[in-house]
Protein backbone atom coordinates (compact mmCIF):
# COMPACT_ATOMS: atom_id res chain seq x y z
CA MET A 1 -37.11 23.60 -35.46
CA VAL A 2 -38.30 27.07 -34.71
CA ARG A 3 -37.85 30.08 -36.86
CA SER A 4 -36.37 33.28 -35.49
CA PRO A 5 -38.65 35.11 -33.06
CA ASP A 6 -37.99 38.30 -34.95
CA ALA A 7 -40.90 37.24 -37.10
CA HIS A 8 -43.16 38.40 -34.28
CA ALA A 9 -41.25 41.50 -33.24
CA GLY A 10 -43.63 44.08 -31.94
CA SER A 11 -46.38 41.64 -31.03
CA ALA A 12 -44.59 40.40 -27.97
CA GLY A 13 -42.37 42.07 -25.48
CA GLY A 14 -40.45 41.13 -22.39
CA ARG A 15 -39.49 42.98 -19.27
CA HIS A 16 -37.26 45.28 -21.27
CA GLY A 17 -39.73 45.82 -24.08
CA ARG A 18 -37.67 43.84 -26.57
CA PRO A 19 -39.26 41.22 -28.84
CA TRP A 20 -39.20 37.71 -27.40
CA ARG A 21 -36.46 35.50 -28.69
CA ALA A 22 -39.10 32.82 -28.82
CA ALA A 23 -41.97 34.31 -30.74
CA GLY A 24 -43.06 33.16 -34.14
CA VAL A 25 -43.86 29.51 -34.44
CA VAL A 26 -42.19 29.26 -31.11
CA LEU A 27 -41.85 26.29 -28.95
CA VAL A 28 -41.96 24.00 -31.78
CA THR A 29 -38.67 23.17 -30.24
CA LEU A 30 -39.96 22.91 -27.05
CA LEU A 31 -42.34 21.00 -28.60
CA ALA A 32 -40.09 18.43 -29.14
CA ILE A 33 -40.22 19.03 -25.54
CA GLY A 34 -40.52 15.49 -24.71
CA GLY A 35 -40.93 12.60 -26.89
CA THR A 36 -38.66 13.16 -29.84
CA ALA A 37 -36.18 10.85 -28.22
CA LEU A 38 -38.83 8.37 -27.22
CA LEU A 39 -38.75 5.02 -28.92
CA THR A 40 -35.47 5.89 -30.58
CA ALA A 41 -34.62 3.09 -32.98
CA GLY A 42 -37.86 1.50 -31.90
CA LEU A 43 -36.13 -0.38 -29.11
CA ASN A 44 -38.27 0.80 -26.25
CA PRO A 45 -41.88 -0.22 -25.62
CA ALA A 46 -44.54 2.41 -26.17
CA PRO A 47 -45.06 4.45 -23.01
CA ALA A 48 -48.39 5.05 -21.38
CA GLN A 49 -50.30 7.83 -23.11
CA PRO A 50 -50.15 11.05 -21.07
CA PRO A 51 -53.56 12.56 -20.21
CA GLN A 52 -54.87 15.09 -22.71
CA PRO A 53 -56.93 18.25 -22.19
CA ASP A 54 -60.63 18.21 -23.01
CA ASP A 55 -60.09 21.23 -25.24
CA VAL A 56 -58.11 20.28 -28.34
CA VAL A 57 -57.71 22.69 -31.26
CA ALA A 58 -58.19 21.04 -34.65
CA GLU A 59 -55.53 21.45 -37.31
CA GLY A 60 -57.93 23.34 -39.56
CA THR A 61 -59.09 25.81 -36.92
CA ALA A 62 -58.93 29.36 -38.27
CA ASP A 63 -57.73 31.01 -35.07
CA ALA A 64 -56.33 28.68 -32.48
CA ALA A 65 -55.90 31.39 -29.87
CA GLU A 66 -59.46 32.72 -30.00
CA PRO A 67 -61.33 31.86 -26.79
CA ASP A 68 -64.81 30.40 -26.79
CA PRO A 69 -67.44 33.14 -26.41
CA GLU A 70 -69.42 31.65 -23.51
CA PRO A 71 -67.72 28.58 -22.03
CA THR A 72 -69.36 26.38 -19.46
CA PRO A 73 -67.66 26.08 -16.05
CA ASP A 74 -66.22 22.70 -16.93
CA SER A 75 -64.86 23.61 -20.34
CA ALA A 76 -61.38 24.95 -21.01
CA THR A 77 -60.77 27.86 -23.33
CA ALA A 78 -57.79 29.57 -24.84
CA ALA A 79 -55.86 31.73 -22.44
CA PRO A 80 -57.04 35.32 -22.24
CA GLY A 81 -53.61 36.71 -23.07
CA PRO A 82 -53.03 40.35 -22.19
CA GLN A 83 -56.11 40.89 -20.06
CA PRO A 84 -56.35 41.85 -16.39
CA THR A 85 -58.85 39.09 -15.73
CA ALA A 86 -59.56 35.63 -17.13
CA ARG A 87 -61.73 36.60 -20.08
CA GLY A 88 -64.62 34.27 -20.71
CA THR A 89 -64.27 32.36 -17.44
CA GLY A 90 -67.39 33.89 -15.93
CA ARG A 91 -65.55 34.74 -12.70
CA PRO A 92 -65.46 38.23 -11.21
CA SER A 93 -62.26 40.23 -11.57
CA GLN A 94 -59.58 39.55 -8.98
CA PRO A 95 -58.38 42.58 -7.00
CA ALA A 96 -55.20 43.89 -8.59
CA LEU A 97 -52.11 42.46 -6.91
CA PRO A 98 -48.95 44.54 -6.69
CA PRO A 99 -46.39 43.05 -9.08
CA LEU A 100 -43.19 41.60 -7.69
CA SER A 101 -39.68 42.58 -8.67
CA ARG A 102 -37.61 40.20 -10.76
CA SER A 103 -36.36 37.05 -9.08
CA GLU A 104 -35.35 33.72 -10.60
CA PRO A 105 -37.87 30.90 -10.05
CA VAL A 106 -36.37 27.83 -8.41
CA ARG A 107 -39.26 25.39 -7.95
CA ILE A 108 -42.72 24.65 -9.37
CA THR A 109 -45.40 22.80 -7.44
CA ILE A 110 -48.68 21.55 -8.92
CA PRO A 111 -50.49 19.52 -6.22
CA LYS A 112 -53.25 18.22 -8.53
CA ILE A 113 -50.76 16.26 -10.65
CA LYS A 114 -48.11 15.74 -7.95
CA VAL A 115 -45.46 17.93 -9.54
CA ASP A 116 -42.77 19.24 -7.23
CA ALA A 117 -39.83 20.03 -9.46
CA LYS A 118 -36.72 22.15 -9.56
CA ILE A 119 -36.67 24.91 -12.17
CA ILE A 120 -33.56 25.74 -14.19
CA SER A 121 -33.07 28.73 -16.46
CA VAL A 122 -33.15 28.22 -20.23
CA GLY A 123 -32.43 30.64 -23.04
CA VAL A 124 -32.09 30.54 -26.80
CA ASN A 125 -30.01 28.30 -29.05
CA PRO A 126 -27.69 29.80 -31.68
CA ASP A 127 -30.33 29.10 -34.33
CA GLY A 128 -32.91 31.15 -32.45
CA THR A 129 -34.84 28.22 -31.03
CA VAL A 130 -35.86 27.97 -27.39
CA GLN A 131 -33.66 25.84 -25.19
CA VAL A 132 -35.24 23.15 -23.06
CA PRO A 133 -33.80 20.95 -20.30
CA SER A 134 -31.89 17.97 -21.68
CA PHE A 135 -33.60 14.60 -21.75
CA LYS A 136 -31.30 13.56 -18.90
CA GLN A 137 -32.87 16.44 -16.94
CA ALA A 138 -36.41 15.57 -17.98
CA ARG A 139 -37.69 15.74 -14.40
CA LEU A 140 -36.69 19.41 -14.24
CA ALA A 141 -38.69 22.35 -15.59
CA GLY A 142 -37.16 25.22 -17.57
CA TRP A 143 -37.89 28.91 -17.10
CA TYR A 144 -37.49 31.05 -20.21
CA LYS A 145 -35.12 33.63 -18.72
CA ALA A 146 -35.46 36.15 -21.56
CA GLY A 147 -38.98 36.77 -20.36
CA VAL A 148 -40.40 37.95 -17.07
CA SER A 149 -40.07 36.00 -13.85
CA PRO A 150 -43.22 34.61 -12.18
CA GLY A 151 -44.86 37.41 -10.25
CA GLU A 152 -43.70 40.20 -12.53
CA VAL A 153 -46.19 41.82 -14.90
CA GLY A 154 -46.35 39.79 -18.10
CA ASN A 155 -46.29 36.17 -19.20
CA ALA A 156 -43.72 34.05 -17.36
CA VAL A 157 -43.04 30.90 -19.38
CA VAL A 158 -42.10 27.51 -17.92
CA VAL A 159 -41.48 24.52 -20.19
CA GLY A 160 -40.81 20.86 -19.60
CA HIS A 161 -40.73 17.42 -21.16
CA VAL A 162 -43.71 15.11 -21.15
CA ASP A 163 -41.54 11.98 -21.24
CA SER A 164 -38.11 10.70 -22.17
CA ALA A 165 -36.61 7.47 -23.39
CA ALA A 166 -34.08 7.77 -20.57
CA ILE A 167 -36.52 8.04 -17.65
CA GLY A 168 -40.05 7.45 -18.97
CA PRO A 169 -42.72 9.91 -17.69
CA ALA A 170 -41.14 13.34 -17.21
CA VAL A 171 -41.93 16.45 -15.18
CA PHE A 172 -45.10 17.45 -17.05
CA PHE A 173 -46.38 14.00 -18.02
CA ARG A 174 -49.76 14.73 -16.42
CA LEU A 175 -50.03 18.41 -17.35
CA GLY A 176 -52.99 17.71 -19.62
CA ALA A 177 -55.01 16.48 -16.64
CA LEU A 178 -55.21 19.96 -15.13
CA LYS A 179 -58.56 21.76 -15.11
CA ARG A 180 -59.64 25.34 -14.72
CA GLY A 181 -59.34 26.36 -11.08
CA ASP A 182 -56.37 24.12 -10.25
CA ARG A 183 -53.49 25.80 -8.43
CA ILE A 184 -49.83 26.20 -9.34
CA GLU A 185 -47.15 27.56 -7.02
CA VAL A 186 -43.74 28.88 -8.03
CA SER A 187 -41.03 29.40 -5.43
CA ARG A 188 -38.49 32.12 -6.21
CA ALA A 189 -34.89 32.75 -5.23
CA ASP A 190 -35.92 35.72 -3.08
CA GLY A 191 -37.94 33.43 -0.82
CA THR A 192 -41.38 34.41 -2.13
CA VAL A 193 -43.95 31.90 -3.33
CA VAL A 194 -46.18 33.06 -6.19
CA ARG A 195 -49.55 31.37 -6.54
CA PHE A 196 -51.50 31.00 -9.77
CA ARG A 197 -54.93 29.66 -10.68
CA VAL A 198 -55.39 27.85 -13.99
CA ASP A 199 -57.90 29.46 -16.31
CA SER A 200 -57.31 27.39 -19.46
CA VAL A 201 -55.80 24.06 -20.50
CA ARG A 202 -55.64 23.50 -24.24
CA SER A 203 -53.84 21.35 -26.77
CA TYR A 204 -52.69 22.95 -30.04
CA PRO A 205 -51.20 21.40 -33.18
CA LYS A 206 -47.64 22.64 -33.41
CA SER A 207 -48.53 24.50 -36.60
CA LYS A 208 -51.18 26.40 -34.61
CA PHE A 209 -49.05 27.21 -31.58
CA PRO A 210 -50.45 30.44 -30.04
CA ALA A 211 -47.17 32.36 -29.81
CA GLU A 212 -48.74 35.72 -29.06
CA GLN A 213 -50.90 34.25 -26.32
CA VAL A 214 -47.88 32.63 -24.69
CA TYR A 215 -45.23 35.28 -25.23
CA GLY A 216 -47.31 38.39 -25.82
CA ASN A 217 -47.72 41.36 -23.54
CA ALA A 218 -49.92 41.00 -20.47
CA ASP A 219 -50.73 43.75 -17.99
CA THR A 220 -50.97 41.41 -15.01
CA PRO A 221 -48.68 38.63 -13.74
CA ARG A 222 -49.46 35.42 -15.62
CA LEU A 223 -47.90 31.99 -16.01
CA GLN A 224 -47.75 29.83 -19.14
CA VAL A 225 -46.73 26.18 -18.66
CA ILE A 226 -46.03 24.14 -21.80
CA THR A 227 -45.26 20.57 -22.76
CA CYS A 228 -45.92 18.17 -25.64
CA GLY A 229 -49.32 16.63 -26.29
CA GLY A 230 -51.39 14.48 -28.59
CA VAL A 231 -50.74 10.86 -29.52
CA PHE A 232 -47.07 9.95 -29.91
CA ASP A 233 -46.12 9.48 -33.58
CA ARG A 234 -43.89 6.43 -33.71
CA LYS A 235 -42.70 7.20 -37.25
CA LYS A 236 -41.69 10.78 -36.52
CA ARG A 237 -40.71 9.94 -32.94
CA SER A 238 -42.44 13.05 -31.67
CA TYR A 239 -45.73 14.40 -30.36
CA PRO A 240 -47.88 16.43 -32.79
CA ASN A 241 -49.30 18.94 -30.30
CA ASN A 242 -48.38 21.29 -27.49
CA ILE A 243 -50.34 21.53 -24.27
CA VAL A 244 -50.56 25.10 -22.98
CA VAL A 245 -51.71 25.75 -19.42
CA SER A 246 -52.42 29.42 -18.79
CA ALA A 247 -52.82 30.74 -15.25
CA ALA A 248 -53.39 34.05 -13.49
CA ARG A 249 -51.72 35.16 -10.28
CA ILE A 250 -53.89 35.02 -7.16
CA PRO A 251 -53.36 36.16 -3.55
């Protein structure tokens, strides 16, 4: 479902400076991230609609990843990408935090939406698409291990299903309810807990997925959390959008 990330080579880089295996129209796999199996054969009743962000990019938008010039405090904008501070948020720059060394994330906690989930490592399928946890593991989150780990300099990426025919609401069912300023914590195998503050929550059509924003270079530790969004399409048995929550590391 996703073309090879080599299409974006040079615009994104991981810890080793190599192009992300997930760039390009990335995560359109992911983006089946939860819901493609829903209502299979039409035998299951329609699930409750997951909450959606206030900021939804229209299909015809010229540049989905371009942030609003002067957002209000309550509005959500596109993630700032490779910037040391949350561009356009109106908040003063955070003091620079020393980056952490690499360590596998093991748990993600988002108090606002009552997420407390184990994280497993995911990689790339033979066809170049991003792996995601199976639908039987839909209450688990997946860390894209080809990228940086949370706390390292760069964009750490965590993905998860929104729902599943097997279990109903999944790990990130309520991800779209997050707002700017909400907190996310990631526990790592080395015993450290890395804290992040959300600076944007946005829903993108899959055709407008902001690959560079999610997988591109960043000069501070950032976290990108992704799931499916929009209104479930019963004919296609999938969600049309991706919800992208972008967050910056805080003390």
